[in-house]
All heavy atoms as atom14 arrays in JSON, in Angstrom:
{
  "sequence": "GFGARVFKISVDEQGNRLTHLKVTGGSLKVKALLTGQDIKGESWSEK",
  "atom14_mask": [
    [1, 1, 1, 1, 0, 0, 0, 0, 0, 0, 0, 0, 0, 0],
    [1, 1, 1, 1, 1, 1, 1, 1, 1, 1, 1, 0, 0, 0],
    [1, 1, 1, 1, 0, 0, 0, 0, 0, 0, 0, 0, 0, 0],
    [1, 1, 1, 1, 1, 0, 0, 0, 0, 0, 0, 0, 0, 0],
    [1, 1, 1, 1, 1, 1, 1, 1, 1, 1, 1, 0, 0, 0],
    [1, 1, 1, 1, 1, 1, 1, 0, 0, 0, 0, 0, 0, 0],
    [1, 1, 1, 1, 1, 1, 1, 1, 1, 1, 1, 0, 0, 0],
    [1, 1, 1, 1, 1, 1, 1, 1, 1, 0, 0, 0, 0, 0],
    [1, 1, 1, 1, 1, 1, 1, 1, 0, 0, 0, 0, 0, 0],
    [1, 1, 1, 1, 1, 1, 0, 0, 0, 0, 0, 0, 0, 0],
    [1, 1, 1, 1, 1, 1, 1, 0, 0, 0, 0, 0, 0, 0],
    [1, 1, 1, 1, 1, 1, 1, 1, 0, 0, 0, 0, 0, 0],
    [1, 1, 1, 1, 1, 1, 1, 1, 1, 0, 0, 0, 0, 0],
    [1, 1, 1, 1, 1, 1, 1, 1, 1, 0, 0, 0, 0, 0],
    [1, 1, 1, 1, 0, 0, 0, 0, 0, 0, 0, 0, 0, 0],
    [1, 1, 1, 1, 1, 1, 1, 1, 0, 0, 0, 0, 0, 0],
    [1, 1, 1, 1, 1, 1, 1, 1, 1, 1, 1, 0, 0, 0],
    [1, 1, 1, 1, 1, 1, 1, 1, 0, 0, 0, 0, 0, 0],
    [1, 1, 1, 1, 1, 1, 1, 0, 0, 0, 0, 0, 0, 0],
    [1, 1, 1, 1, 1, 1, 1, 1, 1, 1, 0, 0, 0, 0],
    [1, 1, 1, 1, 1, 1, 1, 1, 0, 0, 0, 0, 0, 0],
    [1, 1, 1, 1, 1, 1, 1, 1, 1, 0, 0, 0, 0, 0],
    [1, 1, 1, 1, 1, 1, 1, 0, 0, 0, 0, 0, 0, 0],
    [1, 1, 1, 1, 1, 1, 1, 0, 0, 0, 0, 0, 0, 0],
    [1, 1, 1, 1, 0, 0, 0, 0, 0, 0, 0, 0, 0, 0],
    [1, 1, 1, 1, 0, 0, 0, 0, 0, 0, 0, 0, 0, 0],
    [1, 1, 1, 1, 1, 1, 0, 0, 0, 0, 0, 0, 0, 0],
    [1, 1, 1, 1, 1, 1, 1, 1, 0, 0, 0, 0, 0, 0],
    [1, 1, 1, 1, 1, 1, 1, 1, 1, 0, 0, 0, 0, 0],
    [1, 1, 1, 1, 1, 1, 1, 0, 0, 0, 0, 0, 0, 0],
    [1, 1, 1, 1, 1, 1, 1, 1, 1, 0, 0, 0, 0, 0],
    [1, 1, 1, 1, 1, 0, 0, 0, 0, 0, 0, 0, 0, 0],
    [1, 1, 1, 1, 1, 1, 1, 1, 0, 0, 0, 0, 0, 0],
    [1, 1, 1, 1, 1, 1, 1, 1, 0, 0, 0, 0, 0, 0],
    [1, 1, 1, 1, 1, 1, 1, 0, 0, 0, 0, 0, 0, 0],
    [1, 1, 1, 1, 0, 0, 0, 0, 0, 0, 0, 0, 0, 0],
    [1, 1, 1, 1, 1, 1, 1, 1, 1, 0, 0, 0, 0, 0],
    [1, 1, 1, 1, 1, 1, 1, 1, 0, 0, 0, 0, 0, 0],
    [1, 1, 1, 1, 1, 1, 1, 1, 0, 0, 0, 0, 0, 0],
    [1, 1, 1, 1, 1, 1, 1, 1, 1, 0, 0, 0, 0, 0],
    [1, 1, 1, 1, 0, 0, 0, 0, 0, 0, 0, 0, 0, 0],
    [1, 1, 1, 1, 1, 1, 1, 1, 1, 0, 0, 0, 0, 0],
    [1, 1, 1, 1, 1, 1, 0, 0, 0, 0, 0, 0, 0, 0],
    [1, 1, 1, 1, 1, 1, 1, 1, 1, 1, 1, 1, 1, 1],
    [1, 1, 1, 1, 1, 1, 0, 0, 0, 0, 0, 0, 0, 0],
    [1, 1, 1, 1, 1, 1, 1, 1, 1, 0, 0, 0, 0, 0],
    [1, 1, 1, 1, 1, 1, 1, 1, 1, 0, 0, 0, 0, 0]
  ],
  "atom14_positions": [
    [[16.82, -56.12, 19.96], [17.71, -57.27, 19.81], [18.77, -57.3, 20.91], [19.12, -56.27, 21.47], [0.0, 0.0, 0.0], [0.0, 0.0, 0.0], [0.0, 0.0, 0.0], [0.0, 0.0, 0.0], [0.0, 0.0, 0.0], [0.0, 0.0, 0.0], [0.0, 0.0, 0.0], [0.0, 0.0, 0.0], [0.0, 0.0, 0.0], [0.0, 0.0, 0.0]],
    [[19.3, -58.51, 21.19], [20.3, -58.62, 22.25], [21.57, -57.83, 21.92], [22.1, -57.89, 20.81], [20.68, -60.09, 22.5], [21.91, -60.22, 23.36], [21.86, -59.91, 24.71], [23.12, -60.62, 22.81], [23.0, -60.0, 25.5], [24.27, -60.72, 23.58], [24.2, -60.41, 24.94], [0.0, 0.0, 0.0], [0.0, 0.0, 0.0], [0.0, 0.0, 0.0]],
    [[22.02, -57.08, 22.92], [23.29, -56.38, 22.83], [23.9, -56.28, 24.21], [23.18, -56.23, 25.21], [0.0, 0.0, 0.0], [0.0, 0.0, 0.0], [0.0, 0.0, 0.0], [0.0, 0.0, 0.0], [0.0, 0.0, 0.0], [0.0, 0.0, 0.0], [0.0, 0.0, 0.0], [0.0, 0.0, 0.0], [0.0, 0.0, 0.0], [0.0, 0.0, 0.0]],
    [[25.21, -56.27, 24.28], [25.9, -56.11, 25.56], [27.3, -55.57, 25.29], [27.85, -55.77, 24.2], [25.98, -57.43, 26.31], [0.0, 0.0, 0.0], [0.0, 0.0, 0.0], [0.0, 0.0, 0.0], [0.0, 0.0, 0.0], [0.0, 0.0, 0.0], [0.0, 0.0, 0.0], [0.0, 0.0, 0.0], [0.0, 0.0, 0.0], [0.0, 0.0, 0.0]],
    [[27.85, -54.89, 26.27], [29.23, -54.4, 26.15], [30.06, -54.91, 27.32], [29.68, -54.75, 28.48], [29.29, -52.88, 26.1], [30.74, -52.37, 26.13], [30.87, -50.95, 25.69], [30.63, -50.79, 24.28], [30.27, -49.63, 23.72], [30.1, -48.57, 24.48], [30.07, -49.54, 22.42], [0.0, 0.0, 0.0], [0.0, 0.0, 0.0], [0.0, 0.0, 0.0]],
    [[31.18, -55.52, 26.99], [32.12, -56.02, 28.01], [32.99, -54.84, 28.46], [33.48, -54.07, 27.65], [33.02, -57.12, 27.41], [34.03, -57.61, 28.44], [32.17, -58.27, 26.87], [0.0, 0.0, 0.0], [0.0, 0.0, 0.0], [0.0, 0.0, 0.0], [0.0, 0.0, 0.0], [0.0, 0.0, 0.0], [0.0, 0.0, 0.0], [0.0, 0.0, 0.0]],
    [[33.15, -54.69, 29.79], [34.01, -53.6, 30.26], [35.1, -54.07, 31.21], [35.99, -53.31, 31.57], [33.18, -52.5, 30.93], [32.54, -52.87, 32.25], [33.15, -52.55, 33.45], [31.33, -53.54, 32.27], [32.56, -52.89, 34.66], [30.72, -53.88, 33.47], [31.35, -53.56, 34.67], [0.0, 0.0, 0.0], [0.0, 0.0, 0.0], [0.0, 0.0, 0.0]],
    [[35.06, -55.36, 31.57], [36.06, -55.83, 32.53], [36.15, -57.34, 32.5], [35.14, -58.02, 32.3], [35.65, -55.34, 33.94], [36.55, -55.78, 35.06], [36.02, -55.21, 36.38], [36.74, -55.82, 37.56], [36.27, -55.29, 38.85], [0.0, 0.0, 0.0], [0.0, 0.0, 0.0], [0.0, 0.0, 0.0], [0.0, 0.0, 0.0], [0.0, 0.0, 0.0]],
    [[37.36, -57.86, 32.69], [37.59, -59.29, 32.85], [38.25, -59.49, 34.21], [39.16, -58.75, 34.58], [38.52, -59.85, 31.74], [37.95, -59.57, 30.34], [38.77, -61.34, 31.94], [36.64, -60.25, 30.04], [0.0, 0.0, 0.0], [0.0, 0.0, 0.0], [0.0, 0.0, 0.0], [0.0, 0.0, 0.0], [0.0, 0.0, 0.0], [0.0, 0.0, 0.0]],
    [[37.77, -60.48, 34.97], [38.41, -60.78, 36.25], [38.33, -62.28, 36.51], [37.74, -63.03, 35.72], [37.75, -60.0, 37.39], [36.44, -60.48, 37.63], [0.0, 0.0, 0.0], [0.0, 0.0, 0.0], [0.0, 0.0, 0.0], [0.0, 0.0, 0.0], [0.0, 0.0, 0.0], [0.0, 0.0, 0.0], [0.0, 0.0, 0.0], [0.0, 0.0, 0.0]],
    [[38.94, -62.72, 37.6], [38.92, -64.13, 38.0], [38.46, -64.19, 39.44], [38.95, -63.44, 40.29], [40.32, -64.76, 37.85], [40.31, -66.21, 38.31], [40.8, -64.68, 36.41], [0.0, 0.0, 0.0], [0.0, 0.0, 0.0], [0.0, 0.0, 0.0], [0.0, 0.0, 0.0], [0.0, 0.0, 0.0], [0.0, 0.0, 0.0], [0.0, 0.0, 0.0]],
    [[37.48, -65.08, 39.74], [37.01, -65.16, 41.12], [37.94, -66.04, 41.96], [38.95, -66.56, 41.46], [35.55, -65.64, 41.17], [35.38, -67.1, 40.77], [36.4, -67.81, 40.59], [34.23, -67.55, 40.63], [0.0, 0.0, 0.0], [0.0, 0.0, 0.0], [0.0, 0.0, 0.0], [0.0, 0.0, 0.0], [0.0, 0.0, 0.0], [0.0, 0.0, 0.0]],
    [[37.58, -66.23, 43.22], [38.45, -66.97, 44.15], [38.61, -68.43, 43.77], [39.59, -69.08, 44.13], [37.89, -66.86, 45.58], [37.98, -65.45, 46.15], [37.31, -65.33, 47.51], [36.63, -66.3, 47.94], [37.45, -64.26, 48.13], [0.0, 0.0, 0.0], [0.0, 0.0, 0.0], [0.0, 0.0, 0.0], [0.0, 0.0, 0.0], [0.0, 0.0, 0.0]],
    [[37.64, -68.96, 43.03], [37.72, -70.36, 42.58], [38.44, -70.51, 41.24], [38.57, -71.61, 40.71], [36.32, -70.97, 42.46], [35.65, -71.29, 43.79], [35.19, -70.05, 44.53], [34.6, -69.15, 43.92], [35.47, -69.98, 45.82], [0.0, 0.0, 0.0], [0.0, 0.0, 0.0], [0.0, 0.0, 0.0], [0.0, 0.0, 0.0], [0.0, 0.0, 0.0]],
    [[38.9, -69.39, 40.68], [39.61, -69.44, 39.41], [38.72, -69.34, 38.19], [39.18, -69.52, 37.06], [0.0, 0.0, 0.0], [0.0, 0.0, 0.0], [0.0, 0.0, 0.0], [0.0, 0.0, 0.0], [0.0, 0.0, 0.0], [0.0, 0.0, 0.0], [0.0, 0.0, 0.0], [0.0, 0.0, 0.0], [0.0, 0.0, 0.0], [0.0, 0.0, 0.0]],
    [[37.42, -69.06, 38.38], [36.5, -68.9, 37.25], [36.74, -67.56, 36.57], [36.84, -66.52, 37.24], [35.04, -68.96, 37.72], [34.68, -70.3, 38.32], [34.85, -71.33, 37.69], [34.19, -70.28, 39.55], [0.0, 0.0, 0.0], [0.0, 0.0, 0.0], [0.0, 0.0, 0.0], [0.0, 0.0, 0.0], [0.0, 0.0, 0.0], [0.0, 0.0, 0.0]],
    [[36.82, -67.58, 35.25], [36.98, -66.34, 34.49], [35.63, -65.63, 34.4], [34.63, -66.24, 34.0], [37.5, -66.64, 33.08], [37.83, -65.42, 32.23], [38.28, -65.9, 30.85], [38.86, -64.84, 30.04], [38.19, -64.05, 29.22], [36.87, -64.19, 29.12], [38.81, -63.14, 28.49], [0.0, 0.0, 0.0], [0.0, 0.0, 0.0], [0.0, 0.0, 0.0]],
    [[35.59, -64.36, 34.78], [34.35, -63.59, 34.77], [34.4, -62.52, 33.7], [35.36, -61.75, 33.61], [34.12, -62.93, 36.13], [34.0, -63.85, 37.35], [33.87, -63.02, 38.62], [32.81, -64.79, 37.2], [0.0, 0.0, 0.0], [0.0, 0.0, 0.0], [0.0, 0.0, 0.0], [0.0, 0.0, 0.0], [0.0, 0.0, 0.0], [0.0, 0.0, 0.0]],
    [[33.36, -62.46, 32.88], [33.2, -61.4, 31.9], [32.16, -60.42, 32.44], [30.98, -60.77, 32.56], [32.73, -61.96, 30.54], [33.73, -62.84, 30.02], [32.48, -60.84, 29.54], [0.0, 0.0, 0.0], [0.0, 0.0, 0.0], [0.0, 0.0, 0.0], [0.0, 0.0, 0.0], [0.0, 0.0, 0.0], [0.0, 0.0, 0.0], [0.0, 0.0, 0.0]],
    [[32.6, -59.21, 32.81], [31.68, -58.21, 33.35], [31.13, -57.4, 32.18], [31.9, -56.85, 31.37], [32.42, -57.28, 34.32], [32.98, -58.01, 35.52], [32.37, -57.99, 36.75], [34.1, -58.77, 35.64], [33.09, -58.71, 37.6], [34.15, -59.19, 36.95], [0.0, 0.0, 0.0], [0.0, 0.0, 0.0], [0.0, 0.0, 0.0], [0.0, 0.0, 0.0]],
    [[29.82, -57.32, 32.08], [29.2, -56.64, 30.94], [27.92, -55.93, 31.37], [27.35, -56.21, 32.42], [28.92, -57.63, 29.81], [28.1, -58.89, 30.12], [26.6, -58.61, 30.06], [28.44, -60.01, 29.13], [0.0, 0.0, 0.0], [0.0, 0.0, 0.0], [0.0, 0.0, 0.0], [0.0, 0.0, 0.0], [0.0, 0.0, 0.0], [0.0, 0.0, 0.0]],
    [[27.51, -55.0, 30.52], [26.22, -54.34, 30.69], [25.33, -54.75, 29.52], [25.74, -54.65, 28.35], [26.39, -52.82, 30.69], [25.05, -52.06, 30.75], [25.25, -50.59, 30.49], [23.92, -49.85, 30.44], [24.09, -48.45, 30.03], [0.0, 0.0, 0.0], [0.0, 0.0, 0.0], [0.0, 0.0, 0.0], [0.0, 0.0, 0.0], [0.0, 0.0, 0.0]],
    [[24.13, -55.21, 29.83], [23.17, -55.57, 28.78], [22.58, -54.27, 28.22], [22.06, -53.44, 28.96], [22.06, -56.48, 29.33], [21.06, -56.84, 28.23], [22.65, -57.75, 29.93], [0.0, 0.0, 0.0], [0.0, 0.0, 0.0], [0.0, 0.0, 0.0], [0.0, 0.0, 0.0], [0.0, 0.0, 0.0], [0.0, 0.0, 0.0], [0.0, 0.0, 0.0]],
    [[22.69, -54.09, 26.9], [22.23, -52.85, 26.26], [21.05, -53.06, 25.31], [20.63, -52.13, 24.63], [23.4, -52.2, 25.48], [23.88, -53.14, 24.51], [24.54, -51.81, 26.42], [0.0, 0.0, 0.0], [0.0, 0.0, 0.0], [0.0, 0.0, 0.0], [0.0, 0.0, 0.0], [0.0, 0.0, 0.0], [0.0, 0.0, 0.0], [0.0, 0.0, 0.0]],
    [[20.53, -54.3, 25.28], [19.38, -54.57, 24.43], [18.91, -56.0, 24.61], [19.69, -56.88, 24.99], [0.0, 0.0, 0.0], [0.0, 0.0, 0.0], [0.0, 0.0, 0.0], [0.0, 0.0, 0.0], [0.0, 0.0, 0.0], [0.0, 0.0, 0.0], [0.0, 0.0, 0.0], [0.0, 0.0, 0.0], [0.0, 0.0, 0.0], [0.0, 0.0, 0.0]],
    [[17.61, -56.24, 24.37], [17.06, -57.59, 24.5], [17.25, -58.1, 25.91], [17.03, -57.39, 26.88], [0.0, 0.0, 0.0], [0.0, 0.0, 0.0], [0.0, 0.0, 0.0], [0.0, 0.0, 0.0], [0.0, 0.0, 0.0], [0.0, 0.0, 0.0], [0.0, 0.0, 0.0], [0.0, 0.0, 0.0], [0.0, 0.0, 0.0], [0.0, 0.0, 0.0]],
    [[17.69, -59.35, 26.04], [18.03, -59.91, 27.35], [19.06, -61.01, 27.16], [19.25, -61.52, 26.05], [16.78, -60.46, 28.05], [16.32, -61.63, 27.41], [0.0, 0.0, 0.0], [0.0, 0.0, 0.0], [0.0, 0.0, 0.0], [0.0, 0.0, 0.0], [0.0, 0.0, 0.0], [0.0, 0.0, 0.0], [0.0, 0.0, 0.0], [0.0, 0.0, 0.0]],
    [[19.71, -61.36, 28.26], [20.73, -62.42, 28.23], [20.3, -63.52, 29.19], [20.03, -63.26, 30.36], [22.09, -61.85, 28.67], [23.25, -62.85, 28.76], [23.55, -63.44, 27.39], [24.48, -62.18, 29.34], [0.0, 0.0, 0.0], [0.0, 0.0, 0.0], [0.0, 0.0, 0.0], [0.0, 0.0, 0.0], [0.0, 0.0, 0.0], [0.0, 0.0, 0.0]],
    [[20.19, -64.75, 28.67], [19.75, -65.89, 29.48], [20.88, -66.88, 29.71], [21.81, -66.98, 28.89], [18.58, -66.61, 28.79], [17.32, -65.77, 28.65], [16.22, -66.55, 27.97], [14.95, -65.69, 27.82], [13.87, -66.43, 27.12], [0.0, 0.0, 0.0], [0.0, 0.0, 0.0], [0.0, 0.0, 0.0], [0.0, 0.0, 0.0], [0.0, 0.0, 0.0]],
    [[20.8, -67.58, 30.84], [21.74, -68.66, 31.1], [21.62, -69.71, 29.99], [20.52, -69.99, 29.51], [21.45, -69.29, 32.48], [22.27, -70.57, 32.69], [21.74, -68.3, 33.6], [0.0, 0.0, 0.0], [0.0, 0.0, 0.0], [0.0, 0.0, 0.0], [0.0, 0.0, 0.0], [0.0, 0.0, 0.0], [0.0, 0.0, 0.0], [0.0, 0.0, 0.0]],
    [[22.75, -70.25, 29.57], [22.88, -71.23, 28.48], [22.7, -70.62, 27.09], [22.67, -71.35, 26.09], [21.91, -72.42, 28.66], [22.12, -73.2, 29.95], [23.55, -73.7, 30.08], [23.79, -74.41, 31.41], [25.23, -74.74, 31.61], [0.0, 0.0, 0.0], [0.0, 0.0, 0.0], [0.0, 0.0, 0.0], [0.0, 0.0, 0.0], [0.0, 0.0, 0.0]],
    [[22.6, -69.28, 27.03], [22.53, -68.63, 25.71], [23.87, -68.83, 25.0], [24.94, -68.8, 25.62], [22.24, -67.14, 25.87], [0.0, 0.0, 0.0], [0.0, 0.0, 0.0], [0.0, 0.0, 0.0], [0.0, 0.0, 0.0], [0.0, 0.0, 0.0], [0.0, 0.0, 0.0], [0.0, 0.0, 0.0], [0.0, 0.0, 0.0], [0.0, 0.0, 0.0]],
    [[23.8, -69.03, 23.69], [25.01, -69.2, 22.89], [25.41, -67.84, 22.32], [24.64, -67.22, 21.58], [24.76, -70.2, 21.75], [25.97, -70.55, 20.88], [26.99, -71.35, 21.68], [25.54, -71.32, 19.64], [0.0, 0.0, 0.0], [0.0, 0.0, 0.0], [0.0, 0.0, 0.0], [0.0, 0.0, 0.0], [0.0, 0.0, 0.0], [0.0, 0.0, 0.0]],
    [[26.59, -67.37, 22.7], [27.08, -66.08, 22.22], [28.21, -66.29, 21.22], [28.96, -67.28, 21.31], [27.57, -65.22, 23.38], [26.55, -64.85, 24.45], [27.17, -63.93, 25.48], [25.32, -64.2, 23.83], [0.0, 0.0, 0.0], [0.0, 0.0, 0.0], [0.0, 0.0, 0.0], [0.0, 0.0, 0.0], [0.0, 0.0, 0.0], [0.0, 0.0, 0.0]],
    [[28.34, -65.38, 20.28], [29.41, -65.45, 19.29], [30.13, -64.12, 19.24], [29.6, -63.09, 19.64], [28.86, -65.78, 17.89], [27.9, -64.76, 17.53], [28.17, -67.13, 17.86], [0.0, 0.0, 0.0], [0.0, 0.0, 0.0], [0.0, 0.0, 0.0], [0.0, 0.0, 0.0], [0.0, 0.0, 0.0], [0.0, 0.0, 0.0], [0.0, 0.0, 0.0]],
    [[31.34, -64.15, 18.75], [32.11, -62.92, 18.62], [33.46, -63.19, 18.0], [33.72, -64.29, 17.5], [0.0, 0.0, 0.0], [0.0, 0.0, 0.0], [0.0, 0.0, 0.0], [0.0, 0.0, 0.0], [0.0, 0.0, 0.0], [0.0, 0.0, 0.0], [0.0, 0.0, 0.0], [0.0, 0.0, 0.0], [0.0, 0.0, 0.0], [0.0, 0.0, 0.0]],
    [[34.31, -62.19, 18.02], [35.7, -62.33, 17.56], [36.62, -61.93, 18.7], [36.39, -60.91, 19.36], [35.97, -61.45, 16.34], [35.31, -61.95, 15.06], [35.78, -61.19, 13.84], [36.08, -60.01, 13.92], [35.86, -61.87, 12.71], [0.0, 0.0, 0.0], [0.0, 0.0, 0.0], [0.0, 0.0, 0.0], [0.0, 0.0, 0.0], [0.0, 0.0, 0.0]],
    [[37.66, -62.73, 18.94], [38.56, -62.41, 20.03], [39.52, -61.29, 19.64], [39.43, -60.72, 18.54], [39.31, -63.66, 20.52], [40.21, -64.26, 19.45], [40.54, -63.56, 18.46], [40.59, -65.44, 19.59], [0.0, 0.0, 0.0], [0.0, 0.0, 0.0], [0.0, 0.0, 0.0], [0.0, 0.0, 0.0], [0.0, 0.0, 0.0], [0.0, 0.0, 0.0]],
    [[40.43, -60.97, 20.53], [41.34, -59.84, 20.33], [42.22, -60.02, 19.1], [42.71, -59.06, 18.52], [42.2, -59.63, 21.61], [42.74, -58.2, 21.68], [43.29, -60.67, 21.72], [41.76, -57.2, 22.21], [0.0, 0.0, 0.0], [0.0, 0.0, 0.0], [0.0, 0.0, 0.0], [0.0, 0.0, 0.0], [0.0, 0.0, 0.0], [0.0, 0.0, 0.0]],
    [[42.4, -61.31, 18.67], [43.22, -61.6, 17.48], [42.38, -61.62, 16.2], [42.91, -61.86, 15.11], [43.92, -62.96, 17.65], [44.91, -62.99, 18.8], [45.48, -64.4, 18.98], [46.42, -64.46, 20.18], [46.9, -65.83, 20.44], [0.0, 0.0, 0.0], [0.0, 0.0, 0.0], [0.0, 0.0, 0.0], [0.0, 0.0, 0.0], [0.0, 0.0, 0.0]],
    [[41.06, -61.41, 16.35], [40.18, -61.41, 15.19], [39.64, -62.77, 14.81], [39.01, -62.93, 13.77], [0.0, 0.0, 0.0], [0.0, 0.0, 0.0], [0.0, 0.0, 0.0], [0.0, 0.0, 0.0], [0.0, 0.0, 0.0], [0.0, 0.0, 0.0], [0.0, 0.0, 0.0], [0.0, 0.0, 0.0], [0.0, 0.0, 0.0], [0.0, 0.0, 0.0]],
    [[39.88, -63.79, 15.67], [39.39, -65.15, 15.38], [37.99, -65.32, 15.98], [37.72, -64.88, 17.1], [40.36, -66.19, 15.98], [41.74, -66.14, 15.34], [42.73, -67.06, 16.04], [42.34, -67.72, 17.02], [43.89, -67.12, 15.59], [0.0, 0.0, 0.0], [0.0, 0.0, 0.0], [0.0, 0.0, 0.0], [0.0, 0.0, 0.0], [0.0, 0.0, 0.0]],
    [[37.1, -65.98, 15.23], [35.71, -66.16, 15.67], [35.62, -67.17, 16.81], [36.39, -68.12, 16.88], [34.85, -66.64, 14.5], [34.84, -65.65, 13.48], [0.0, 0.0, 0.0], [0.0, 0.0, 0.0], [0.0, 0.0, 0.0], [0.0, 0.0, 0.0], [0.0, 0.0, 0.0], [0.0, 0.0, 0.0], [0.0, 0.0, 0.0], [0.0, 0.0, 0.0]],
    [[34.65, -66.95, 17.69], [34.38, -67.89, 18.78], [32.88, -68.02, 18.99], [32.1, -67.15, 18.6], [35.06, -67.45, 20.08], [34.69, -66.09, 20.58], [35.36, -64.91, 20.38], [33.54, -65.74, 21.39], [34.72, -63.86, 20.99], [33.61, -64.34, 21.62], [32.48, -66.45, 21.93], [32.64, -63.66, 22.37], [31.52, -65.78, 22.68], [31.61, -64.4, 22.89]],
    [[32.48, -69.12, 19.62], [31.09, -69.39, 19.94], [31.07, -70.16, 21.27], [31.59, -71.27, 21.35], [30.44, -70.21, 18.82], [29.11, -70.54, 19.14], [0.0, 0.0, 0.0], [0.0, 0.0, 0.0], [0.0, 0.0, 0.0], [0.0, 0.0, 0.0], [0.0, 0.0, 0.0], [0.0, 0.0, 0.0], [0.0, 0.0, 0.0], [0.0, 0.0, 0.0]],
    [[30.48, -69.55, 22.32], [30.5, -70.16, 23.65], [29.18, -69.92, 24.38], [28.47, -68.96, 24.09], [31.66, -69.59, 24.49], [33.03, -69.95, 23.93], [34.17, -69.33, 24.74], [34.04, -68.17, 25.17], [35.18, -70.02, 24.92], [0.0, 0.0, 0.0], [0.0, 0.0, 0.0], [0.0, 0.0, 0.0], [0.0, 0.0, 0.0], [0.0, 0.0, 0.0]],
    [[28.89, -70.81, 25.34], [27.65, -70.71, 26.1], [27.87, -69.99, 27.44], [28.91, -70.13, 28.07], [27.08, -72.11, 26.39], [26.28, -72.69, 25.26], [25.62, -73.99, 25.69], [24.81, -74.58, 24.52], [24.2, -75.88, 24.89], [0.0, 0.0, 0.0], [0.0, 0.0, 0.0], [0.0, 0.0, 0.0], [0.0, 0.0, 0.0], [0.0, 0.0, 0.0]]
  ]
}
């Protein structure tokens, strides 16, 4: 099953927010819908 771990957040020269992660299971595709909880514990869902 899909799994990944985020280890770094950065911003590129154009101001895009980058989530640096390692895929640890399954695969990750462009336009995949990911869900999680932010640092405050609130749920999110983003592509």
